[in-house]
Amino acid sequence: MTHAPFFRQVLDSLMPRGSVWRPARGGHFDKLLDGKADGKQETLDDLGHLANIRNPHSCPIELLPDLEREFGVSTN
């Protein structure tokens, strides 16, 4: 397992039971599942950042003027 053990566990749990579906550690199938899990983790991280983009406490400073306009905050 690499960077995304949670998603790798999810993928492993979706596999049918049996030794055929248990990948050899470091094999091509194991690497494929690791790659799929890594991609899903990156997507989850990106969505986590987007979830707080309109939170005034965690908004990046360069986006504050847009946030103030949306909330109707006057600049003067």
PDB file of N, CA and C in Angstrom:
ATOM      1  N   MET A   1       0.834  -1.176   0.000  1.00  0.00           N
ATOM      2  CA  MET A   1       0.000   0.000   0.000  1.00  0.00           C
ATOM      3  C   MET A   1       0.881   1.242   0.000  1.00  0.00           C
ATOM      4  N   THR A   2       0.426   2.261  -0.725  1.00  0.00           N
ATOM      5  CA  THR A   2       1.250   3.458  -0.844  1.00  0.00           C
ATOM      6  C   THR A   2       0.607   4.625  -0.122  1.00  0.00           C
ATOM      7  N   HIS A   3       0.456   5.738  -0.776  1.00  0.00           N
ATOM      8  CA  HIS A   3       0.023   6.988  -0.170  1.00  0.00           C
ATOM      9  C   HIS A   3      -1.438   6.985   0.292  1.00  0.00           C
ATOM     10  N   ALA A   4      -2.265   6.161  -0.255  1.00  0.00           N
ATOM     11  CA  ALA A   4      -3.693   6.227   0.049  1.00  0.00           C
ATOM     12  C   ALA A   4      -4.214   4.897   0.583  1.00  0.00           C
ATOM     13  N   PRO A   5      -3.841   4.521   1.788  1.00  0.00           N
ATOM     14  CA  PRO A   5      -4.277   3.214   2.291  1.00  0.00           C
ATOM     15  C   PRO A   5      -5.785   3.093   2.420  1.00  0.00           C
ATOM     16  N   PHE A   6      -6.475   4.205   2.723  1.00  0.00           N
ATOM     17  CA  PHE A   6      -7.930   4.127   2.865  1.00  0.00           C
ATOM     18  C   PHE A   6      -8.575   3.700   1.551  1.00  0.00           C
ATOM     19  N   PHE A   7      -8.213   4.371   0.468  1.00  0.00           N
ATOM     20  CA  PHE A   7      -8.835   4.033  -0.812  1.00  0.00           C
ATOM     21  C   PHE A   7      -8.360   2.685  -1.336  1.00  0.00           C
ATOM     22  N   ARG A   8      -7.166   2.293  -0.967  1.00  0.00           N
ATOM     23  CA  ARG A   8      -6.709   0.962  -1.361  1.00  0.00           C
ATOM     24  C   ARG A   8      -7.538  -0.091  -0.640  1.00  0.00           C
ATOM     25  N   GLN A   9      -7.866   0.141   0.626  1.00  0.00           N
ATOM     26  CA  GLN A   9      -8.718  -0.789   1.363  1.00  0.00           C
ATOM     27  C   GLN A   9     -10.105  -0.848   0.742  1.00  0.00           C
ATOM     28  N   VAL A  10     -10.599   0.304   0.292  1.00  0.00           N
ATOM     29  CA  VAL A  10     -11.909   0.326  -0.367  1.00  0.00           C
ATOM     30  C   VAL A  10     -11.872  -0.514  -1.634  1.00  0.00           C
ATOM     31  N   LEU A  11     -10.836  -0.310  -2.458  1.00  0.00           N
ATOM     32  CA  LEU A  11     -10.731  -1.090  -3.691  1.00  0.00           C
ATOM     33  C   LEU A  11     -10.589  -2.585  -3.394  1.00  0.00           C
ATOM     34  N   ASP A  12      -9.777  -2.921  -2.396  1.00  0.00           N
ATOM     35  CA  ASP A  12      -9.608  -4.334  -2.043  1.00  0.00           C
ATOM     36  C   ASP A  12     -10.912  -4.946  -1.549  1.00  0.00           C
ATOM     37  N   SER A  13     -11.711  -4.164  -0.816  1.00  0.00           N
ATOM     38  CA  SER A  13     -12.970  -4.702  -0.299  1.00  0.00           C
ATOM     39  C   SER A  13     -14.006  -4.908  -1.405  1.00  0.00           C
ATOM     40  N   LEU A  14     -13.849  -4.212  -2.522  1.00  0.00           N
ATOM     41  CA  LEU A  14     -14.786  -4.364  -3.639  1.00  0.00           C
ATOM     42  C   LEU A  14     -14.454  -5.563  -4.529  1.00  0.00           C
ATOM     43  N   MET A  15     -13.274  -6.120  -4.347  1.00  0.00           N
ATOM     44  CA  MET A  15     -12.858  -7.261  -5.165  1.00  0.00           C
ATOM     45  C   MET A  15     -13.582  -8.527  -4.729  1.00  0.00           C
ATOM     46  N   PRO A  16     -13.857  -9.407  -5.676  1.00  0.00           N
ATOM     47  CA  PRO A  16     -14.452 -10.701  -5.292  1.00  0.00           C
ATOM     48  C   PRO A  16     -13.489 -11.483  -4.399  1.00  0.00           C
ATOM     49  N   ARG A  17     -14.027 -12.371  -3.610  1.00  0.00           N
ATOM     50  CA  ARG A  17     -13.186 -13.190  -2.732  1.00  0.00           C
ATOM     51  C   ARG A  17     -12.478 -14.256  -3.561  1.00  0.00           C
ATOM     52  N   GLY A  18     -11.324 -14.635  -3.088  1.00  0.00           N
ATOM     53  CA  GLY A  18     -10.570 -15.696  -3.754  1.00  0.00           C
ATOM     54  C   GLY A  18      -9.137 -15.275  -3.995  1.00  0.00           C
ATOM     55  N   SER A  19      -8.284 -16.255  -4.087  1.00  0.00           N
ATOM     56  CA  SER A  19      -6.857 -15.971  -4.223  1.00  0.00           C
ATOM     57  C   SER A  19      -6.514 -15.342  -5.566  1.00  0.00           C
ATOM     58  N   VAL A  20      -7.344 -15.537  -6.575  1.00  0.00           N
ATOM     59  CA  VAL A  20      -7.073 -14.946  -7.891  1.00  0.00           C
ATOM     60  C   VAL A  20      -7.090 -13.421  -7.800  1.00  0.00           C
ATOM     61  N   TRP A  21      -7.942 -12.858  -6.964  1.00  0.00           N
ATOM     62  CA  TRP A  21      -8.094 -11.411  -6.872  1.00  0.00           C
ATOM     63  C   TRP A  21      -7.188 -10.780  -5.822  1.00  0.00           C
ATOM     64  N   ARG A  22      -6.387 -11.578  -5.130  1.00  0.00           N
ATOM     65  CA  ARG A  22      -5.434 -11.049  -4.167  1.00  0.00           C
ATOM     66  C   ARG A  22      -4.128 -10.782  -4.905  1.00  0.00           C
ATOM     67  N   PRO A  23      -3.789  -9.516  -5.146  1.00  0.00           N
ATOM     68  CA  PRO A  23      -2.603  -9.244  -5.963  1.00  0.00           C
ATOM     69  C   PRO A  23      -1.307  -9.557  -5.227  1.00  0.00           C
ATOM     70  N   ALA A  24      -0.315  -9.979  -5.991  1.00  0.00           N
ATOM     71  CA  ALA A  24       1.021 -10.198  -5.433  1.00  0.00           C
ATOM     72  C   ALA A  24       1.630  -8.834  -5.110  1.00  0.00           C
ATOM     73  N   ARG A  25       2.239  -8.733  -3.940  1.00  0.00           N
ATOM     74  CA  ARG A  25       2.825  -7.456  -3.513  1.00  0.00           C
ATOM     75  C   ARG A  25       3.900  -7.028  -4.503  1.00  0.00           C
ATOM     76  N   GLY A  26       3.746  -5.805  -5.035  1.00  0.00           N
ATOM     77  CA  GLY A  26       4.712  -5.271  -5.993  1.00  0.00           C
ATOM     78  C   GLY A  26       4.458  -5.699  -7.434  1.00  0.00           C
ATOM     79  N   GLY A  27       3.431  -6.523  -7.655  1.00  0.00           N
ATOM     80  CA  GLY A  27       3.111  -6.965  -9.014  1.00  0.00           C
ATOM     81  C   GLY A  27       2.356  -5.890  -9.792  1.00  0.00           C
ATOM     82  N   HIS A  28       2.099  -6.182 -11.060  1.00  0.00           N
ATOM     83  CA  HIS A  28       1.425  -5.218 -11.930  1.00  0.00           C
ATOM     84  C   HIS A  28       0.017  -4.879 -11.435  1.00  0.00           C
ATOM     85  N   PHE A  29      -0.731  -5.881 -11.004  1.00  0.00           N
ATOM     86  CA  PHE A  29      -2.097  -5.658 -10.517  1.00  0.00           C
ATOM     87  C   PHE A  29      -2.077  -4.834  -9.223  1.00  0.00           C
ATOM     88  N   ASP A  30      -1.115  -5.110  -8.358  1.00  0.00           N
ATOM     89  CA  ASP A  30      -0.954  -4.357  -7.109  1.00  0.00           C
ATOM     90  C   ASP A  30      -0.647  -2.887  -7.423  1.00  0.00           C
ATOM     91  N   LYS A  31       0.230  -2.656  -8.367  1.00  0.00           N
ATOM     92  CA  LYS A  31       0.585  -1.283  -8.757  1.00  0.00           C
ATOM     93  C   LYS A  31      -0.603  -0.564  -9.400  1.00  0.00           C
ATOM     94  N   LEU A  32      -1.387  -1.297 -10.181  1.00  0.00           N
ATOM     95  CA  LEU A  32      -2.579  -0.705 -10.792  1.00  0.00           C
ATOM     96  C   LEU A  32      -3.559  -0.244  -9.711  1.00  0.00           C
ATOM     97  N   LEU A  33      -3.801  -1.100  -8.720  1.00  0.00           N
ATOM     98  CA  LEU A  33      -4.725  -0.728  -7.646  1.00  0.00           C
ATOM     99  C   LEU A  33      -4.175   0.431  -6.818  1.00  0.00           C
ATOM    100  N   ASP A  34      -2.870   0.442  -6.579  1.00  0.00           N
ATOM    101  CA  ASP A  34      -2.262   1.577  -5.871  1.00  0.00           C
ATOM    102  C   ASP A  34      -2.449   2.869  -6.653  1.00  0.00           C
ATOM    103  N   GLY A  35      -2.262   2.809  -7.959  1.00  0.00           N
ATOM    104  CA  GLY A  35      -2.437   3.996  -8.799  1.00  0.00           C
ATOM    105  C   GLY A  35      -3.870   4.508  -8.773  1.00  0.00           C
ATOM    106  N   LYS A  36      -4.822   3.596  -8.847  1.00  0.00           N
ATOM    107  CA  LYS A  36      -6.230   3.997  -8.768  1.00  0.00           C
ATOM    108  C   LYS A  36      -6.530   4.638  -7.418  1.00  0.00           C
ATOM    109  N   ALA A  37      -6.000   4.069  -6.346  1.00  0.00           N
ATOM    110  CA  ALA A  37      -6.228   4.611  -5.005  1.00  0.00           C
ATOM    111  C   ALA A  37      -5.590   5.991  -4.859  1.00  0.00           C
ATOM    112  N   ASP A  38      -4.385   6.171  -5.396  1.00  0.00           N
ATOM    113  CA  ASP A  38      -3.719   7.480  -5.328  1.00  0.00           C
ATOM    114  C   ASP A  38      -4.536   8.545  -6.048  1.00  0.00           C
ATOM    115  N   GLY A  39      -5.070   8.202  -7.216  1.00  0.00           N
ATOM    116  CA  GLY A  39      -5.876   9.158  -7.977  1.00  0.00           C
ATOM    117  C   GLY A  39      -7.130   9.564  -7.218  1.00  0.00           C
ATOM    118  N   LYS A  40      -7.746   8.622  -6.563  1.00  0.00           N
ATOM    119  CA  LYS A  40      -8.950   8.939  -5.787  1.00  0.00           C
ATOM    120  C   LYS A  40      -8.606   9.815  -4.592  1.00  0.00           C
ATOM    121  N   GLN A  41      -7.460   9.589  -3.950  1.00  0.00           N
ATOM    122  CA  GLN A  41      -7.052  10.405  -2.809  1.00  0.00           C
ATOM    123  C   GLN A  41      -6.790  11.849  -3.251  1.00  0.00           C
ATOM    124  N   GLU A  42      -6.154  12.039  -4.410  1.00  0.00           N
ATOM    125  CA  GLU A  42      -5.907  13.391  -4.905  1.00  0.00           C
ATOM    126  C   GLU A  42      -7.224  14.122  -5.163  1.00  0.00           C
ATOM    127  N   THR A  43      -8.196  13.412  -5.727  1.00  0.00           N
ATOM    128  CA  THR A  43      -9.509  14.012  -5.973  1.00  0.00           C
ATOM    129  C   THR A  43     -10.173  14.401  -4.655  1.00  0.00           C
ATOM    130  N   LEU A  44     -10.094  13.527  -3.661  1.00  0.00           N
ATOM    131  CA  LEU A  44     -10.675  13.832  -2.357  1.00  0.00           C
ATOM    132  C   LEU A  44      -9.994  15.050  -1.721  1.00  0.00           C
ATOM    133  N   ASP A  45      -8.680  15.143  -1.850  1.00  0.00           N
ATOM    134  CA  ASP A  45      -7.949  16.299  -1.309  1.00  0.00           C
ATOM    135  C   ASP A  45      -8.380  17.589  -1.998  1.00  0.00           C
ATOM    136  N   ASP A  46      -8.514  17.547  -3.333  1.00  0.00           N
ATOM    137  CA  ASP A  46      -8.956  18.730  -4.075  1.00  0.00           C
ATOM    138  C   ASP A  46     -10.359  19.158  -3.652  1.00  0.00           C
ATOM    139  N   LEU A  47     -11.249  18.195  -3.489  1.00  0.00           N
ATOM    140  CA  LEU A  47     -12.610  18.519  -3.056  1.00  0.00           C
ATOM    141  C   LEU A  47     -12.617  19.086  -1.640  1.00  0.00           C
ATOM    142  N   GLY A  48     -11.728  18.608  -0.796  1.00  0.00           N
ATOM    143  CA  GLY A  48     -11.614  19.147   0.553  1.00  0.00           C
ATOM    144  C   GLY A  48     -11.197  20.605   0.546  1.00  0.00           C
ATOM    145  N   HIS A  49     -10.289  20.961  -0.369  1.00  0.00           N
ATOM    146  CA  HIS A  49      -9.880  22.355  -0.481  1.00  0.00           C
ATOM    147  C   HIS A  49     -11.018  23.223  -1.013  1.00  0.00           C
ATOM    148  N   LEU A  50     -11.777  22.699  -1.952  1.00  0.00           N
ATOM    149  CA  LEU A  50     -12.894  23.460  -2.517  1.00  0.00           C
ATOM    150  C   LEU A  50     -14.027  23.631  -1.515  1.00  0.00           C
ATOM    151  N   ALA A  51     -14.177  22.700  -0.609  1.00  0.00           N
ATOM    152  CA  ALA A  51     -15.265  22.767   0.361  1.00  0.00           C
ATOM    153  C   ALA A  51     -15.144  23.981   1.267  1.00  0.00           C
ATOM    154  N   ASN A  52     -13.936  24.463   1.494  1.00  0.00           N
ATOM    155  CA  ASN A  52     -13.718  25.597   2.389  1.00  0.00           C
ATOM    156  C   ASN A  52     -13.352  26.884   1.673  1.00  0.00           C
ATOM    157  N   ILE A  53     -13.526  26.936   0.360  1.00  0.00           N
ATOM    158  CA  ILE A  53     -13.082  28.111  -0.378  1.00  0.00           C
ATOM    159  C   ILE A  53     -13.907  29.354  -0.014  1.00  0.00           C
ATOM    160  N   ARG A  54     -15.123  29.170   0.460  1.00  0.00           N
ATOM    161  CA  ARG A  54     -15.956  30.314   0.840  1.00  0.00           C
ATOM    162  C   ARG A  54     -16.035  30.480   2.355  1.00  0.00           C
ATOM    163  N   ASN A  55     -15.149  29.847   3.075  1.00  0.00           N
ATOM    164  CA  ASN A  55     -15.074  30.003   4.519  1.00  0.00           C
ATOM    165  C   ASN A  55     -14.166  31.196   4.814  1.00  0.00           C
ATOM    166  N   PRO A  56     -14.676  32.269   5.424  1.00  0.00           N
ATOM    167  CA  PRO A  56     -13.854  33.455   5.639  1.00  0.00           C
ATOM    168  C   PRO A  56     -12.644  33.209   6.539  1.00  0.00           C
ATOM    169  N   HIS A  57     -12.689  32.191   7.370  1.00  0.00           N
ATOM    170  CA  HIS A  57     -11.574  31.910   8.276  1.00  0.00           C
ATOM    171  C   HIS A  57     -10.425  31.180   7.587  1.00  0.00           C
ATOM    172  N   SER A  58     -10.719  30.471   6.495  1.00  0.00           N
ATOM    173  CA  SER A  58      -9.660  29.713   5.823  1.00  0.00           C
ATOM    174  C   SER A  58      -9.487  30.113   4.363  1.00  0.00           C
ATOM    175  N   CYS A  59     -10.148  31.171   3.939  1.00  0.00           N
ATOM    176  CA  CYS A  59     -10.068  31.634   2.555  1.00  0.00           C
ATOM    177  C   CYS A  59      -8.667  32.195   2.275  1.00  0.00           C
ATOM    178  N   PRO A  60      -8.054  31.824   1.143  1.00  0.00           N
ATOM    179  CA  PRO A  60      -6.770  32.425   0.786  1.00  0.00           C
ATOM    180  C   PRO A  60      -6.912  33.938   0.643  1.00  0.00           C
ATOM    181  N   ILE A  61      -5.892  34.670   1.039  1.00  0.00           N
ATOM    182  CA  ILE A  61      -5.947  36.135   1.087  1.00  0.00           C
ATOM    183  C   ILE A  61      -6.258  36.743  -0.275  1.00  0.00           C
ATOM    184  N   GLU A  62      -5.783  36.118  -1.343  1.00  0.00           N
ATOM    185  CA  GLU A  62      -6.033  36.681  -2.680  1.00  0.00           C
ATOM    186  C   GLU A  62      -7.491  36.524  -3.117  1.00  0.00           C
ATOM    187  N   LEU A  63      -8.255  35.666  -2.451  1.00  0.00           N
ATOM    188  CA  LEU A  63      -9.664  35.497  -2.791  1.00  0.00           C
ATOM    189  C   LEU A  63     -10.600  36.298  -1.895  1.00  0.00           C
ATOM    190  N   LEU A  64     -10.065  36.977  -0.895  1.00  0.00           N
ATOM    191  CA  LEU A  64     -10.913  37.746   0.017  1.00  0.00           C
ATOM    192  C   LEU A  64     -11.728  38.842  -0.669  1.00  0.00           C
ATOM    193  N   PRO A  65     -11.165  39.607  -1.631  1.00  0.00           N
ATOM    194  CA  PRO A  65     -12.010  40.607  -2.301  1.00  0.00           C
ATOM    195  C   PRO A  65     -13.246  39.998  -2.973  1.00  0.00           C
ATOM    196  N   ASP A  66     -13.093  38.846  -3.600  1.00  0.00           N
ATOM    197  CA  ASP A  66     -14.253  38.174  -4.217  1.00  0.00           C
ATOM    198  C   ASP A  66     -15.257  37.750  -3.152  1.00  0.00           C
ATOM    199  N   LEU A  67     -14.760  37.243  -2.056  1.00  0.00           N
ATOM    200  CA  LEU A  67     -15.628  36.807  -0.971  1.00  0.00           C
ATOM    201  C   LEU A  67     -16.386  37.993  -0.369  1.00  0.00           C
ATOM    202  N   GLU A  68     -15.700  39.121  -0.205  1.00  0.00           N
ATOM    203  CA  GLU A  68     -16.357  40.320   0.323  1.00  0.00           C
ATOM    204  C   GLU A  68     -17.450  40.804  -0.622  1.00  0.00           C
ATOM    205  N   ARG A  69     -17.204  40.757  -1.930  1.00  0.00           N
ATOM    206  CA  ARG A  69     -18.229  41.147  -2.908  1.00  0.00           C
ATOM    207  C   ARG A  69     -19.446  40.231  -2.809  1.00  0.00           C
ATOM    208  N   GLU A  70     -19.209  38.935  -2.686  1.00  0.00           N
ATOM    209  CA  GLU A  70     -20.323  37.980  -2.599  1.00  0.00           C
ATOM    210  C   GLU A  70     -21.162  38.214  -1.347  1.00  0.00           C
ATOM    211  N   PHE A  71     -20.504  38.542  -0.243  1.00  0.00           N
ATOM    212  CA  PHE A  71     -21.220  38.763   1.011  1.00  0.00           C
ATOM    213  C   PHE A  71     -21.739  40.181   1.141  1.00  0.00           C
ATOM    214  N   GLY A  72     -21.449  41.055   0.162  1.00  0.00           N
ATOM    215  CA  GLY A  72     -21.942  42.429   0.188  1.00  0.00           C
ATOM    216  C   GLY A  72     -21.187  43.315   1.145  1.00  0.00           C
ATOM    217  N   VAL A  73     -19.922  43.019   1.408  1.00  0.00           N
ATOM    218  CA  VAL A  73     -19.118  43.838   2.291  1.00  0.00           C
ATOM    219  C   VAL A  73     -18.569  45.010   1.494  1.00  0.00           C
ATOM    220  N   SER A  74     -18.791  46.214   1.986  1.00  0.00           N
ATOM    221  CA  SER A  74     -18.336  47.421   1.297  1.00  0.00           C
ATOM    222  C   SER A  74     -16.840  47.608   1.518  1.00  0.00           C
ATOM    223  N   THR A  75     -16.145  48.080   0.506  1.00  0.00           N
ATOM    224  CA  THR A  75     -14.701  48.305   0.641  1.00  0.00           C
ATOM    225  C   THR A  75     -14.373  49.658   1.229  1.00  0.00           C
ATOM    226  N   ASN A  76     -15.376  50.540   1.398  1.00  0.00           N
ATOM    227  CA  ASN A  76     -15.067  51.867   1.979  1.00  0.00           C
ATOM    228  C   ASN A  76     -15.629  52.019   3.371  1.00  0.00           C
TER     229      ASN A  76
END
